[in-house]
Amino acid sequence: MFLKYFSSVLFFAVILIQPAWAQDYPARPLRMVVPIGPGSSGDAIFRALAERMSAALGQPVIVESKPGADALVATQSVLNAPADGYTLGFSSLTTVNAPATNKAAKYDPLKDFRSIAIISQGPLLLAVGPKSRFNTISEVVQASREKPESVTLGLYSSTYRLGALMMGQSGGIKFRLIPYKAFPQLINDVIGETTDVGLVDVGAALPMVRDGKIRALATTTAKPLPALPNVPTVGESINSDYHFTIWVGVVVRSQTPEPIVDKLEKVIRTILVSEDFRSFAAKNNPTSQLIALTGEKAVKFYESEAQRYKEILPLLEYK
């Protein structure tokens, strides 16, 4: 009887103090852990979000870059932190597919994380150095078909690897995949021709394309990008309907108290729909679409992506 009474008292005590959690939160700086290094448009968009969250919450929001192990270093850092709303994580296709592609990833993307927001989605770009032996995407495809794995393709994170494998399956081609931790190292090797081709973030690559530092061969969009109207799509060159986009979002641990989740969602939603942030996003990466999903829409998007790639990965013989 006493235990039953005590449990009831404890339950109602927790219910009563939850609003206070939200009212007092945050009482100290927050961390936003991202698996990508400086230089990519994804890193830039998160730093812009963190800056605006700091102003809205009255506490610093510190972006910590923890690249490595297909984003597992960053993901594990979030999982190891208390579920108190003070540590936010970067979510992407890598977050949802890592447990199926990396034996070291011991988490469940649906049970262990709660999606707070889906920020944007956009395509990738196949790029080469200015003096590359490849002048067109058709030449890359032909070389890869004639001699499998003769063309090296640099990429970073399992998301990009997934895009490359889906490309190979659609076009009957096989690259030799070279993993990198971040965009700067990859693009330097592409320019120096240590790596033949790079599969990269369009937003980060676009200024370098315009400056002539790299050449754009093809995009992973269904149709040519307005920002690169003369660059064909991969699908056009491999005679398929192949297209591939990536997305980025924000997660917290699933055990985070609901009042804190609600507060974070409201703050981030206000930022994402603001003209200030939309203007920044358009300037930072004009090839991506700011979709600004929060609340139940963000949760459903995240869950649907996890389910979709759970079904796709076994078909790719992902190794």
Protein backbone atom coordinates (compact mmCIF):
# COMPACT_ATOMS: atom_id res chain seq x y z
CA MET A 1 0.00 0.00 0.00
CA PHE A 2 2.78 2.38 0.93
CA LEU A 3 4.64 1.69 -2.31
CA LYS A 4 1.48 2.28 -4.33
CA TYR A 5 0.87 5.55 -2.50
CA PHE A 6 4.49 6.63 -2.91
CA SER A 7 4.42 5.85 -6.64
CA SER A 8 1.28 7.95 -7.12
CA VAL A 9 2.79 10.88 -5.23
CA LEU A 10 5.97 10.63 -7.27
CA PHE A 11 4.01 10.52 -10.55
CA PHE A 12 2.04 13.66 -9.75
CA ALA A 13 5.16 15.40 -8.48
CA VAL A 14 6.86 14.80 -11.83
CA ILE A 15 3.79 16.13 -13.67
CA LEU A 16 3.78 19.28 -11.57
CA ILE A 17 7.46 20.10 -11.96
CA GLN A 18 7.58 19.56 -15.74
CA PRO A 19 6.33 23.09 -16.56
CA ALA A 20 9.09 24.43 -14.31
CA TRP A 21 11.66 22.53 -16.37
CA ALA A 22 10.52 24.34 -19.48
CA GLN A 23 10.35 27.69 -17.67
CA ASP A 24 13.88 27.43 -16.26
CA TYR A 25 15.35 25.85 -19.39
CA PRO A 26 17.98 26.62 -20.50
CA ALA A 27 19.97 27.60 -17.43
CA ARG A 28 23.38 27.00 -19.05
CA PRO A 29 24.96 26.79 -22.53
CA LEU A 30 23.77 24.18 -25.04
CA ARG A 31 25.87 22.07 -27.42
CA MET A 32 25.00 21.20 -30.99
CA VAL A 33 27.16 18.28 -32.15
CA VAL A 34 27.71 17.94 -35.90
CA PRO A 35 29.62 15.19 -37.75
CA ILE A 36 30.97 17.47 -40.46
CA GLY A 37 33.94 19.78 -40.47
CA PRO A 38 33.98 23.46 -41.42
CA GLY A 39 33.65 24.27 -45.11
CA SER A 40 30.41 22.55 -46.01
CA SER A 41 27.04 24.25 -46.42
CA GLY A 42 25.63 21.87 -43.79
CA ASP A 43 28.10 23.15 -41.19
CA ALA A 44 27.31 26.74 -42.14
CA ILE A 45 23.55 26.27 -41.80
CA PHE A 46 23.94 24.74 -38.33
CA ARG A 47 26.19 27.55 -37.15
CA ALA A 48 23.64 30.07 -38.41
CA LEU A 49 20.89 28.20 -36.56
CA ALA A 50 22.97 28.00 -33.38
CA GLU A 51 23.68 31.75 -33.47
CA ARG A 52 19.98 32.57 -33.72
CA MET A 53 19.04 30.00 -31.07
CA SER A 54 21.54 31.64 -28.70
CA ALA A 55 19.78 34.97 -29.11
CA ALA A 56 16.32 33.43 -28.65
CA LEU A 57 17.20 31.26 -25.63
CA GLY A 58 19.51 33.70 -23.86
CA GLN A 59 22.28 31.09 -23.61
CA PRO A 60 25.21 30.25 -25.91
CA VAL A 61 24.59 27.38 -28.33
CA ILE A 62 28.03 25.98 -29.10
CA VAL A 63 28.60 24.02 -32.31
CA GLU A 64 31.01 21.13 -31.81
CA SER A 65 32.45 19.52 -34.95
CA LYS A 66 33.12 15.82 -34.43
CA PRO A 67 33.74 14.24 -37.84
CA GLY A 68 34.74 10.62 -38.25
CA ALA A 69 33.48 7.03 -38.37
CA ASP A 70 30.57 7.85 -40.71
CA ALA A 71 29.15 10.36 -38.22
CA LEU A 72 29.25 7.82 -35.38
CA VAL A 73 31.65 9.92 -33.29
CA ALA A 74 29.16 12.79 -33.23
CA THR A 75 26.14 10.53 -32.83
CA GLN A 76 27.69 8.67 -29.90
CA SER A 77 28.55 11.97 -28.25
CA VAL A 78 24.85 12.87 -28.23
CA LEU A 79 23.85 9.41 -26.97
CA ASN A 80 26.37 9.62 -24.13
CA ALA A 81 25.02 12.98 -22.94
CA PRO A 82 22.11 13.31 -20.49
CA ALA A 83 18.63 13.48 -22.04
CA ASP A 84 18.09 17.00 -20.71
CA GLY A 85 17.91 19.11 -23.87
CA TYR A 86 21.38 20.58 -23.46
CA THR A 87 22.92 18.41 -26.19
CA LEU A 88 21.42 18.53 -29.67
CA GLY A 89 22.48 16.33 -32.57
CA PHE A 90 22.75 16.61 -36.33
CA SER A 91 20.43 14.23 -38.17
CA SER A 92 20.68 13.05 -41.75
CA LEU A 93 20.41 9.90 -43.85
CA THR A 94 23.59 8.79 -42.12
CA THR A 95 21.82 8.92 -38.75
CA VAL A 96 19.04 6.63 -39.91
CA ASN A 97 21.11 4.17 -41.96
CA ALA A 98 24.28 3.85 -39.85
CA PRO A 99 23.04 0.93 -37.70
CA ALA A 100 22.47 -1.06 -40.92
CA THR A 101 25.83 -0.15 -42.45
CA ASN A 102 28.20 0.12 -39.49
CA LYS A 103 28.53 -2.71 -36.96
CA ALA A 104 29.86 -0.25 -34.40
CA ALA A 105 26.58 1.71 -34.45
CA LYS A 106 24.66 0.05 -31.64
CA TYR A 107 21.77 2.49 -31.47
CA ASP A 108 18.23 2.44 -32.84
CA PRO A 109 17.56 5.63 -34.86
CA LEU A 110 13.85 5.55 -34.01
CA LYS A 111 13.94 4.49 -30.36
CA ASP A 112 16.98 6.48 -29.26
CA PHE A 113 16.35 9.82 -31.00
CA ARG A 114 13.51 12.32 -31.23
CA SER A 115 13.44 14.46 -34.36
CA ILE A 116 13.10 18.15 -33.47
CA ALA A 117 13.38 19.64 -36.95
CA ILE A 118 14.17 18.84 -40.58
CA ILE A 119 15.89 21.91 -41.94
CA SER A 120 16.61 21.43 -45.63
CA GLN A 121 17.26 18.97 -48.41
CA GLY A 122 19.33 19.20 -51.55
CA PRO A 123 21.26 17.33 -54.25
CA LEU A 124 24.88 16.30 -54.69
CA LEU A 125 27.37 17.06 -57.43
CA LEU A 126 29.96 15.01 -59.31
CA ALA A 127 33.01 17.24 -59.68
CA VAL A 128 36.54 16.95 -61.06
CA GLY A 129 39.68 19.06 -61.01
CA PRO A 130 40.26 21.69 -63.71
CA LYS A 131 42.87 19.51 -65.46
CA SER A 132 41.05 16.20 -65.07
CA ARG A 133 41.20 13.60 -67.86
CA PHE A 134 37.41 13.49 -67.69
CA ASN A 135 35.55 16.22 -69.55
CA THR A 136 32.02 14.85 -69.22
CA ILE A 137 30.02 12.54 -66.99
CA SER A 138 29.61 10.21 -69.98
CA GLU A 139 33.38 9.68 -70.05
CA VAL A 140 33.36 8.79 -66.35
CA VAL A 141 30.51 6.32 -66.86
CA GLN A 142 32.19 4.72 -69.88
CA ALA A 143 35.52 4.28 -68.06
CA SER A 144 33.76 2.74 -65.05
CA ARG A 145 31.82 0.31 -67.21
CA GLU A 146 34.83 -0.74 -69.29
CA LYS A 147 37.01 -1.33 -66.25
CA PRO A 148 35.13 -1.54 -62.92
CA GLU A 149 36.77 0.29 -60.00
CA SER A 150 39.26 2.01 -62.32
CA VAL A 151 37.75 5.40 -61.43
CA THR A 152 38.18 6.61 -57.85
CA LEU A 153 35.21 8.43 -56.34
CA GLY A 154 35.80 10.47 -53.20
CA LEU A 155 32.98 11.02 -50.72
CA TYR A 156 32.33 11.67 -47.04
CA SER A 157 29.83 9.89 -44.77
CA SER A 158 27.69 6.86 -45.45
CA THR A 159 24.97 9.10 -46.90
CA TYR A 160 27.19 9.98 -49.86
CA ARG A 161 28.28 6.36 -50.13
CA LEU A 162 24.63 5.36 -50.31
CA GLY A 163 24.10 7.83 -53.16
CA ALA A 164 27.12 6.39 -54.99
CA LEU A 165 25.94 2.79 -54.56
CA MET A 166 22.44 3.65 -55.78
CA MET A 167 24.05 5.38 -58.76
CA GLY A 168 26.13 2.31 -59.49
CA GLN A 169 23.13 0.01 -59.27
CA SER A 170 21.06 2.24 -61.55
CA GLY A 171 23.78 2.63 -64.16
CA GLY A 172 25.63 -0.67 -64.03
CA ILE A 173 28.85 1.04 -62.97
CA LYS A 174 31.28 0.45 -60.13
CA PHE A 175 33.58 3.10 -58.69
CA ARG A 176 36.41 2.56 -56.25
CA LEU A 177 35.07 4.52 -53.30
CA ILE A 178 37.49 6.64 -51.26
CA PRO A 179 36.15 7.87 -47.88
CA TYR A 180 37.06 11.28 -46.48
CA LYS A 181 36.20 12.98 -43.19
CA ALA A 182 35.17 16.32 -44.68
CA PHE A 183 34.75 18.42 -47.82
CA PRO A 184 38.07 20.39 -47.68
CA GLN A 185 40.29 17.30 -47.73
CA LEU A 186 38.26 15.67 -50.48
CA ILE A 187 38.11 18.69 -52.75
CA ASN A 188 41.87 19.30 -52.38
CA ASP A 189 42.55 15.77 -53.61
CA VAL A 190 40.10 16.18 -56.49
CA ILE A 191 41.83 19.40 -57.55
CA GLY A 192 45.22 17.72 -57.22
CA GLU A 193 43.89 14.68 -59.13
CA THR A 194 44.83 12.26 -56.35
CA THR A 195 41.15 11.29 -56.52
CA ASP A 196 39.45 11.22 -59.92
CA VAL A 197 35.96 12.42 -59.05
CA GLY A 198 34.27 13.84 -55.97
CA LEU A 199 30.67 13.34 -54.92
CA VAL A 200 30.12 16.54 -52.98
CA ASP A 201 27.66 18.95 -51.45
CA VAL A 202 26.50 21.32 -54.19
CA GLY A 203 26.30 24.32 -51.88
CA ALA A 204 29.93 24.02 -50.80
CA ALA A 205 31.14 23.28 -54.33
CA LEU A 206 29.19 25.95 -56.22
CA PRO A 207 31.54 28.91 -55.48
CA MET A 208 34.52 26.80 -56.56
CA VAL A 209 32.75 25.84 -59.78
CA ARG A 210 32.06 29.49 -60.53
CA ASP A 211 35.69 30.40 -59.81
CA GLY A 212 36.97 27.65 -62.11
CA LYS A 213 38.74 25.75 -59.31
CA ILE A 214 36.73 22.60 -60.06
CA ARG A 215 34.49 21.47 -62.91
CA ALA A 216 30.93 20.27 -62.44
CA LEU A 217 30.14 17.12 -64.43
CA ALA A 218 26.65 16.19 -63.24
CA THR A 219 24.09 16.73 -60.49
CA THR A 220 22.02 14.10 -58.69
CA THR A 221 18.79 16.02 -59.29
CA ALA A 222 15.90 14.75 -61.40
CA LYS A 223 16.19 17.88 -63.58
CA PRO A 224 19.09 20.29 -64.23
CA LEU A 225 19.61 22.84 -61.46
CA PRO A 226 18.76 26.47 -62.25
CA ALA A 227 22.06 27.46 -60.61
CA LEU A 228 23.92 25.10 -63.01
CA PRO A 229 21.69 25.06 -66.11
CA ASN A 230 24.37 23.64 -68.43
CA VAL A 231 25.32 20.76 -66.14
CA PRO A 232 23.48 17.50 -66.95
CA THR A 233 21.99 15.14 -64.42
CA VAL A 234 23.51 11.76 -63.60
CA GLY A 235 20.26 10.09 -64.69
CA GLU A 236 20.58 11.50 -68.20
CA SER A 237 24.00 9.90 -68.56
CA ILE A 238 23.20 6.46 -67.17
CA ASN A 239 19.82 6.25 -68.89
CA SER A 240 17.75 5.88 -65.74
CA ASP A 241 15.47 7.82 -63.43
CA TYR A 242 18.21 8.02 -60.78
CA HIS A 243 18.10 11.02 -58.50
CA PHE A 244 19.32 11.45 -54.96
CA THR A 245 18.93 14.17 -52.35
CA ILE A 246 20.25 14.56 -48.83
CA TRP A 247 18.62 16.26 -45.86
CA VAL A 248 19.75 17.64 -42.52
CA GLY A 249 17.89 18.09 -39.28
CA VAL A 250 18.12 18.32 -35.50
CA VAL A 251 17.55 15.56 -32.95
CA VAL A 252 17.67 15.10 -29.20
CA ARG A 253 17.67 11.93 -27.16
CA SER A 254 14.21 10.39 -27.09
CA GLN A 255 13.99 10.54 -23.27
CA THR A 256 14.21 14.35 -23.27
CA PRO A 257 11.28 15.80 -21.25
CA GLU A 258 8.38 16.87 -23.44
CA PRO A 259 8.23 20.48 -22.16
CA ILE A 260 11.85 20.97 -23.21
CA VAL A 261 11.22 19.35 -26.59
CA ASP A 262 8.25 21.69 -27.08
CA LYS A 263 10.35 24.74 -26.24
CA LEU A 264 13.12 23.73 -28.63
CA GLU A 265 10.63 23.04 -31.42
CA LYS A 266 8.97 26.44 -31.01
CA VAL A 267 12.27 28.31 -30.98
CA ILE A 268 13.64 26.47 -34.01
CA ARG A 269 10.36 26.76 -35.92
CA THR A 270 10.35 30.54 -35.42
CA ILE A 271 13.93 30.75 -36.70
CA LEU A 272 13.42 28.51 -39.73
CA VAL A 273 10.38 30.41 -41.04
CA SER A 274 11.93 33.84 -40.45
CA GLU A 275 12.86 35.95 -43.45
CA ASP A 276 16.33 36.43 -41.96
CA PHE A 277 17.10 32.71 -41.89
CA ARG A 278 15.50 32.01 -45.25
CA SER A 279 17.61 34.75 -46.79
CA PHE A 280 20.76 33.27 -45.24
CA ALA A 281 19.91 29.76 -46.42
CA ALA A 282 19.21 30.94 -49.98
CA LYS A 283 22.53 32.79 -50.11
CA ASN A 284 24.53 30.02 -48.41
CA ASN A 285 23.17 27.22 -50.59
CA PRO A 286 20.86 28.32 -53.43
CA THR A 287 20.60 24.73 -54.66
CA SER A 288 18.97 23.36 -51.50
CA GLN A 289 15.34 23.62 -50.46
CA LEU A 290 14.59 24.94 -46.99
CA ILE A 291 11.72 22.68 -45.90
CA ALA A 292 11.55 23.77 -42.24
CA LEU A 293 9.63 20.87 -40.71
CA THR A 294 9.11 20.74 -36.94
CA GLY A 295 6.82 18.94 -34.51
CA GLU A 296 4.89 15.92 -35.76
CA LYS A 297 5.84 16.63 -39.39
CA ALA A 298 9.54 16.38 -38.51
CA VAL A 299 8.96 13.14 -36.61
CA LYS A 300 7.02 11.56 -39.50
CA PHE A 301 9.61 12.63 -42.08
CA TYR A 302 12.44 11.15 -39.99
CA GLU A 303 10.53 7.90 -39.42
CA SER A 304 9.63 7.52 -43.09
CA GLU A 305 13.26 8.00 -44.16
CA ALA A 306 14.43 5.41 -41.64
CA GLN A 307 11.92 2.90 -42.96
CA ARG A 308 12.61 3.67 -46.63
CA TYR A 309 16.36 3.09 -46.39
CA LYS A 310 15.91 0.06 -44.16
CA GLU A 311 14.19 -1.47 -47.18
CA ILE A 312 16.67 -0.15 -49.77
CA LEU A 313 19.98 -1.05 -48.11
CA PRO A 314 19.67 -4.85 -48.38
CA LEU A 315 19.13 -4.48 -52.13
CA LEU A 316 22.44 -2.66 -52.54
CA GLU A 317 24.64 -5.36 -50.98
CA TYR A 318 26.01 -2.56 -48.83
CA LYS A 319 29.48 -3.43 -47.50
